[in-house]
Protein backbone atom coordinates (compact mmCIF):
# COMPACT_ATOMS: atom_id res chain seq x y z
CA MET A 1 64.61 -24.46 -75.62
CA PRO A 2 60.81 -24.06 -75.89
CA ALA A 3 58.76 -27.03 -77.01
CA PRO A 4 57.71 -26.93 -80.68
CA GLU A 5 54.21 -25.58 -81.27
CA THR A 6 51.55 -28.24 -81.66
CA LEU A 7 48.53 -27.40 -83.80
CA SER A 8 45.23 -28.64 -82.41
CA LEU A 9 42.65 -30.35 -84.60
CA TYR A 10 40.36 -27.34 -84.12
CA GLY A 11 43.19 -25.03 -85.19
CA PHE A 12 43.88 -27.21 -88.23
CA PHE A 13 40.31 -26.88 -89.51
CA GLN A 14 40.36 -23.13 -88.87
CA ARG A 15 43.52 -22.84 -90.96
CA PHE A 16 42.28 -25.08 -93.78
CA PRO A 17 38.49 -24.71 -93.93
CA ALA A 18 38.26 -25.57 -97.64
CA GLU A 19 40.16 -26.88 -100.67
CA GLU A 20 41.36 -23.43 -101.80
CA ALA A 21 43.26 -22.82 -98.55
CA ALA A 22 44.93 -26.22 -98.88
CA ARG A 23 45.90 -25.57 -102.52
CA LYS A 24 47.50 -22.22 -101.67
CA PHE A 25 49.44 -23.81 -98.80
CA PHE A 26 50.77 -26.60 -101.04
CA GLU A 27 51.78 -24.08 -103.71
CA ASP A 28 53.51 -21.79 -101.21
CA LYS A 29 55.55 -24.66 -99.78
CA ARG A 30 56.51 -26.03 -103.18
CA TRP A 31 57.10 -22.82 -105.12
CA ALA A 32 57.37 -20.05 -102.48
CA GLY A 33 55.54 -17.56 -104.71
CA ASN A 34 57.58 -18.34 -107.87
CA VAL A 35 55.51 -20.84 -109.85
CA TYR A 36 57.60 -22.70 -112.39
CA CYS A 37 56.82 -25.45 -114.87
CA PRO A 38 57.72 -28.89 -113.48
CA HIS A 39 58.03 -30.18 -117.05
CA CYS A 40 60.69 -27.78 -118.38
CA GLY A 41 61.53 -25.47 -115.45
CA SER A 42 60.29 -22.32 -117.20
CA LEU A 43 59.07 -19.35 -115.14
CA SER A 44 56.89 -18.16 -118.01
CA VAL A 45 53.62 -19.49 -116.64
CA ALA A 46 49.99 -18.48 -117.10
CA GLU A 47 47.20 -19.24 -114.64
CA CYS A 48 44.26 -20.97 -116.32
CA LYS A 49 40.73 -19.64 -116.01
CA ASP A 50 38.75 -21.71 -113.50
CA HIS A 51 41.92 -23.84 -113.18
CA LYS A 52 40.79 -26.13 -116.01
CA PRO A 53 42.09 -28.51 -117.21
CA MET A 54 44.78 -27.68 -114.62
CA ALA A 55 45.73 -24.62 -112.60
CA TYR A 56 48.64 -23.47 -114.82
CA ARG A 57 49.97 -23.62 -118.36
CA CYS A 58 53.59 -23.19 -119.41
CA ARG A 59 54.07 -20.65 -122.22
CA ASP A 60 57.29 -22.36 -123.33
CA CYS A 61 56.53 -26.09 -123.44
CA ARG A 62 52.75 -25.42 -123.55
CA GLN A 63 51.93 -28.15 -121.08
CA HIS A 64 49.40 -27.82 -118.30
CA PHE A 65 50.34 -28.56 -114.71
CA SER A 66 49.34 -28.10 -111.10
CA VAL A 67 51.02 -28.35 -107.70
CA ARG A 68 50.39 -32.11 -107.89
CA THR A 69 52.45 -32.59 -111.08
CA GLY A 70 55.72 -34.43 -110.56
CA THR A 71 54.98 -35.39 -106.95
CA VAL A 72 53.37 -38.24 -105.02
CA LEU A 73 50.14 -36.23 -105.40
CA ALA A 74 50.08 -36.86 -109.15
CA GLU A 75 47.08 -38.85 -110.40
CA SER A 76 45.45 -38.71 -106.95
CA ARG A 77 41.79 -37.75 -107.01
CA LEU A 78 41.65 -36.98 -103.32
CA PRO A 79 41.18 -33.30 -102.44
CA LEU A 80 44.32 -31.54 -101.22
CA TYR A 81 42.74 -30.78 -97.84
CA LYS A 82 42.38 -34.55 -97.28
CA TRP A 83 46.06 -34.97 -98.12
CA LEU A 84 46.86 -32.27 -95.57
CA MET A 85 44.62 -33.92 -93.01
CA ALA A 86 46.35 -37.28 -93.58
CA ILE A 87 49.79 -35.70 -93.12
CA TYR A 88 48.53 -33.96 -89.98
CA MET A 89 47.27 -37.24 -88.52
CA MET A 90 50.51 -39.06 -89.30
CA THR A 91 52.48 -36.13 -87.88
CA THR A 92 50.70 -35.93 -84.55
CA ALA A 93 50.30 -39.70 -83.97
CA ARG A 94 53.74 -40.47 -82.52
CA LYS A 95 53.20 -44.23 -82.69
CA GLY A 96 51.49 -44.13 -86.07
CA ILE A 97 47.87 -44.31 -87.19
CA PRO A 98 46.20 -47.37 -88.78
CA SER A 99 44.67 -47.06 -92.23
CA THR A 100 41.29 -48.15 -90.82
CA GLN A 101 41.17 -45.13 -88.51
CA MET A 102 42.45 -42.80 -91.25
CA ALA A 103 39.71 -44.07 -93.55
CA ARG A 104 37.02 -43.28 -90.97
CA GLU A 105 38.42 -39.81 -90.26
CA LEU A 106 38.76 -38.86 -93.94
CA GLY A 107 35.58 -40.52 -95.19
CA ILE A 108 37.38 -42.73 -97.71
CA THR A 109 37.88 -46.46 -98.13
CA GLN A 110 40.52 -48.37 -96.18
CA LYS A 111 42.25 -49.22 -99.46
CA SER A 112 42.50 -45.52 -100.38
CA ALA A 113 43.72 -44.62 -96.89
CA TRP A 114 46.42 -47.31 -97.02
CA PHE A 115 47.60 -46.09 -100.44
CA LEU A 116 47.56 -42.49 -99.22
CA ALA A 117 49.63 -43.32 -96.12
CA GLN A 118 52.17 -45.32 -98.14
CA ARG A 119 52.70 -42.41 -100.51
CA ILE A 120 53.34 -40.10 -97.57
CA ARG A 121 55.81 -42.66 -96.17
CA GLU A 122 57.46 -42.80 -99.60
CA THR A 123 57.99 -39.03 -99.31
CA TRP A 124 59.54 -39.40 -95.86
CA LEU A 125 62.10 -41.91 -97.13
CA ALA A 126 64.12 -38.93 -98.36
CA GLN A 127 64.97 -38.15 -94.72
CA ASN A 128 66.35 -41.65 -94.26
CA GLU A 129 68.53 -41.76 -97.37
CA GLY A 130 71.34 -39.35 -96.49
CA THR A 131 74.91 -40.52 -96.09
CA GLY A 132 77.88 -39.70 -93.90
CA ASP A 133 76.74 -36.44 -92.29
CA MET A 134 75.83 -37.56 -88.78
CA GLY A 135 77.55 -36.47 -85.58
CA PRO A 136 80.95 -37.52 -84.17
CA THR A 137 79.47 -39.97 -81.63
CA ILE A 138 77.22 -42.69 -83.01
CA GLU A 139 75.24 -45.56 -81.52
CA VAL A 140 74.60 -48.59 -83.72
CA ASP A 141 72.26 -51.45 -82.96
CA GLU A 142 69.99 -53.99 -84.59
CA THR A 143 66.52 -55.25 -83.77
CA TYR A 144 64.07 -57.73 -85.27
CA ILE A 145 60.54 -57.02 -86.50
CA GLY A 146 57.90 -59.69 -87.00
CA GLY A 147 55.52 -62.04 -85.28
CA LYS A 148 56.56 -64.62 -82.71
CA GLU A 149 56.91 -68.18 -83.93
CA THR A 150 54.67 -69.43 -81.12
CA ASN A 151 51.81 -67.19 -82.32
CA LYS A 152 51.94 -68.31 -85.95
CA HIS A 153 49.68 -70.84 -87.63
CA ALA A 154 51.28 -74.26 -87.97
CA ASN A 155 51.81 -73.91 -91.73
CA LYS A 156 53.57 -70.54 -91.22
CA LYS A 157 56.09 -71.74 -88.65
CA LEU A 158 59.69 -72.28 -89.73
CA ASN A 159 60.40 -74.70 -86.86
CA MET A 160 63.92 -73.34 -86.54
CA GLY A 161 63.88 -72.15 -82.94
CA ARG A 162 62.77 -68.94 -81.22
CA GLY A 163 63.93 -65.34 -80.85
CA ALA A 164 64.74 -63.76 -84.23
CA VAL A 165 63.52 -66.74 -86.26
CA GLY A 166 61.06 -65.62 -88.94
CA LYS A 167 61.66 -61.94 -88.23
CA THR A 168 63.33 -59.24 -90.33
CA ALA A 169 66.46 -57.49 -89.07
CA VAL A 170 66.43 -53.69 -88.86
CA VAL A 171 69.73 -51.87 -88.33
CA GLY A 172 69.93 -48.29 -87.13
CA VAL A 173 72.42 -45.55 -86.28
CA LYS A 174 71.68 -42.66 -83.92
CA ASP A 175 73.89 -39.73 -83.01
CA ARG A 176 73.84 -37.91 -79.69
CA SER A 177 71.74 -35.07 -81.16
CA GLY A 178 68.93 -37.61 -81.67
CA LYS A 179 69.14 -38.03 -85.44
CA VAL A 180 68.35 -41.55 -86.61
CA ARG A 181 68.81 -43.55 -89.79
CA ALA A 182 67.50 -47.08 -89.97
CA ALA A 183 66.69 -49.69 -92.59
CA PRO A 184 65.74 -53.38 -92.86
CA MET A 185 68.62 -55.70 -93.79
CA ALA A 186 68.62 -59.23 -95.12
CA SER A 187 71.58 -60.15 -92.92
CA VAL A 188 73.46 -58.83 -89.89
CA ASN A 189 76.75 -60.42 -90.86
CA LYS A 190 79.99 -58.45 -90.75
CA PRO A 191 80.03 -57.16 -94.36
CA SER A 192 76.42 -55.97 -94.09
CA LEU A 193 76.83 -54.13 -90.78
CA HIS A 194 80.21 -52.64 -91.66
CA GLY A 195 78.79 -51.47 -95.00
CA PHE A 196 75.78 -49.88 -93.34
CA ILE A 197 78.00 -48.01 -90.88
CA ALA A 198 80.32 -46.83 -93.67
CA ALA A 199 77.32 -45.53 -95.65
CA HIS A 200 75.90 -43.45 -92.80
CA VAL A 201 78.77 -42.55 -90.46
CA SER A 202 81.66 -40.24 -91.26
CA PRO A 203 85.17 -41.74 -90.96
CA GLY A 204 86.85 -41.03 -87.63
CA ALA A 205 83.62 -40.98 -85.64
CA THR A 206 83.25 -42.83 -82.35
CA VAL A 207 80.95 -45.80 -82.91
CA MET A 208 79.29 -47.52 -79.95
CA THR A 209 77.75 -50.98 -80.28
CA ASP A 210 76.91 -54.03 -78.22
CA ASP A 211 79.17 -57.07 -78.31
CA LEU A 212 77.69 -58.74 -81.40
CA ALA A 213 80.57 -60.47 -83.19
CA SER A 214 79.68 -58.86 -86.54
CA TYR A 215 80.79 -55.44 -85.26
CA ARG A 216 84.32 -56.60 -84.52
CA GLY A 217 87.15 -55.39 -86.71
CA LEU A 218 85.43 -52.11 -87.56
CA LYS A 219 88.02 -49.99 -89.39
CA GLY A 220 88.24 -46.21 -89.73
CA TYR A 221 86.36 -45.53 -86.48
CA THR A 222 86.92 -45.50 -82.74
CA HIS A 223 84.90 -48.54 -81.74
CA LEU A 224 83.52 -48.90 -78.21
CA ALA A 225 81.44 -51.97 -77.32
CA VAL A 226 79.36 -52.67 -74.22
CA ARG A 227 79.00 -56.31 -73.24
CA HIS A 228 75.27 -56.93 -73.08
CA SER A 229 75.95 -60.65 -72.83
CA ALA A 230 77.71 -60.00 -69.50
CA GLY A 231 75.04 -57.62 -68.16
CA GLU A 232 76.99 -54.46 -69.04
CA TYR A 233 74.84 -51.70 -70.55
CA VAL A 234 76.81 -48.52 -69.78
CA ARG A 235 80.55 -47.97 -69.50
CA ASP A 236 81.55 -44.33 -69.06
CA GLN A 237 80.06 -42.64 -72.18
CA ALA A 238 79.67 -45.91 -74.08
CA HIS A 239 76.11 -47.22 -74.44
CA THR A 240 73.41 -47.91 -77.03
CA ASN A 241 70.50 -46.71 -74.93
CA GLY A 242 69.51 -43.99 -77.42
CA ILE A 243 69.00 -46.26 -80.41
CA GLU A 244 67.33 -48.85 -78.18
CA SER A 245 64.76 -46.25 -77.08
CA PHE A 246 64.02 -45.69 -80.76
CA TRP A 247 63.49 -49.44 -81.23
CA SER A 248 61.08 -49.36 -78.30
CA LEU A 249 58.96 -46.70 -80.01
CA LEU A 250 59.07 -48.56 -83.33
CA LYS A 251 57.87 -51.75 -81.66
CA ARG A 252 55.09 -49.93 -79.80
CA GLY A 253 53.87 -48.84 -83.21
CA TYR A 254 54.22 -52.39 -84.54
CA TYR A 255 52.45 -54.21 -81.69
CA GLY A 256 49.98 -51.52 -80.62
CA ILE A 257 48.99 -49.74 -83.85
CA TYR A 258 49.86 -51.58 -87.05
CA HIS A 259 50.04 -55.15 -85.67
CA TYR A 260 51.77 -56.23 -88.88
CA MET A 261 54.38 -54.72 -91.19
CA SER A 262 55.04 -56.73 -94.33
CA VAL A 263 58.65 -57.25 -95.34
CA LYS A 264 58.18 -55.52 -98.69
CA HIS A 265 56.86 -52.33 -97.03
CA LEU A 266 58.88 -52.46 -93.81
CA HIS A 267 61.41 -49.87 -95.04
CA ARG A 268 58.60 -47.31 -95.35
CA TYR A 269 57.33 -47.93 -91.83
CA VAL A 270 60.88 -47.69 -90.48
CA GLY A 271 61.31 -44.48 -92.50
CA GLU A 272 58.09 -43.09 -90.98
CA PHE A 273 59.35 -43.53 -87.43
CA SER A 274 62.84 -42.27 -88.35
CA ASN A 275 61.41 -39.15 -89.93
CA ARG A 276 59.26 -38.34 -86.91
CA GLN A 277 62.30 -38.78 -84.67
CA ASN A 278 64.48 -36.56 -86.87
CA THR A 279 61.92 -33.74 -86.98
CA ILE A 280 60.96 -33.84 -83.30
CA ASP A 281 62.01 -30.18 -82.89
CA LEU A 282 59.68 -28.94 -85.65
CA SER A 283 56.24 -27.53 -84.98
CA THR A 284 53.25 -29.26 -86.53
CA MET A 285 53.03 -26.82 -89.44
CA GLU A 286 56.80 -26.89 -90.00
CA PHE A 287 56.65 -30.68 -90.18
CA ILE A 288 53.78 -30.59 -92.69
CA GLY A 289 55.60 -27.95 -94.75
CA ALA A 290 58.81 -30.02 -94.76
CA THR A 291 56.82 -33.03 -95.97
CA ILE A 292 55.34 -31.09 -98.88
CA LYS A 293 58.77 -29.82 -99.93
CA GLN A 294 60.01 -33.43 -100.13
CA MET A 295 57.14 -34.57 -102.37
CA ALA A 296 58.63 -33.32 -105.64
CA GLY A 297 60.32 -36.09 -107.58
CA ARG A 298 58.73 -38.85 -105.49
CA HIS A 299 56.18 -41.12 -107.11
CA ILE A 300 54.82 -44.59 -106.58
CA SER A 301 51.75 -46.19 -108.11
CA TYR A 302 49.34 -48.59 -106.45
CA LYS A 303 50.49 -51.32 -108.83
CA GLU A 304 54.10 -50.76 -107.81
CA LEU A 305 53.13 -50.96 -104.14
CA ILE A 306 51.21 -54.22 -104.33
CA ASN A 307 53.71 -55.82 -106.71
CA ALA A 308 56.81 -54.70 -104.79
């Protein structure tokens, strides 16, 4: 199978030299040539002269709208080509891109870049919210995200030991086709892990885990466990190497790029890495197009983000 086509930065600017090209691309991906009113769904739409106050007006409900209406683009004053550029950067940066670098590249403030990136991550959460449609052979594992106790200031230390202390658990499932779903969890006890598996894995599937006690007694699945505590990492077809490679990439992004992921936004960062993994076979433009199609119905304000 040929590798997906990667669009160079030079090619990106050739394709989107100005705002009009970006607007047409957004509209094509959202409406595919059939513009409809996002307020009432009507196809009876008129294009406004000079696109003021907005690009379109519905003849039925008489409201104005644009390709931004009803999406994470709503109320954003950033030009659409800067949105496209941000998606492009987050698409091609496999380990992520910090908001400071995005701000420099786009010519905006770090605060605006952070808000922009979080809204794109909010869009990508749709890829991580499906249930029960993964493959017949599933790997399940957990990891912990956060700073080491030894590196924390004295008043931040919990003084409860080492290892996972002070970190947030992230649980993930990965099938043998490479599809991943992952999410932070408050606990890795038996009800939490069994519930997570039931929500994402079809009954009857073969589930492979390590020997964590919380996985024991898993019902409705063929459960195979490798004994990491005894130095066993592969037994026949049973292993969790796939999901562990995903954790490795997530942590490279944490330690090398972002340096810190707050608990209240961790699910978006996990969703970002999951989405890139799940669309690894898409070309750059296919990935950007898929992102735009997911934007409808997603919305989050800056106040909601900082007060989450």
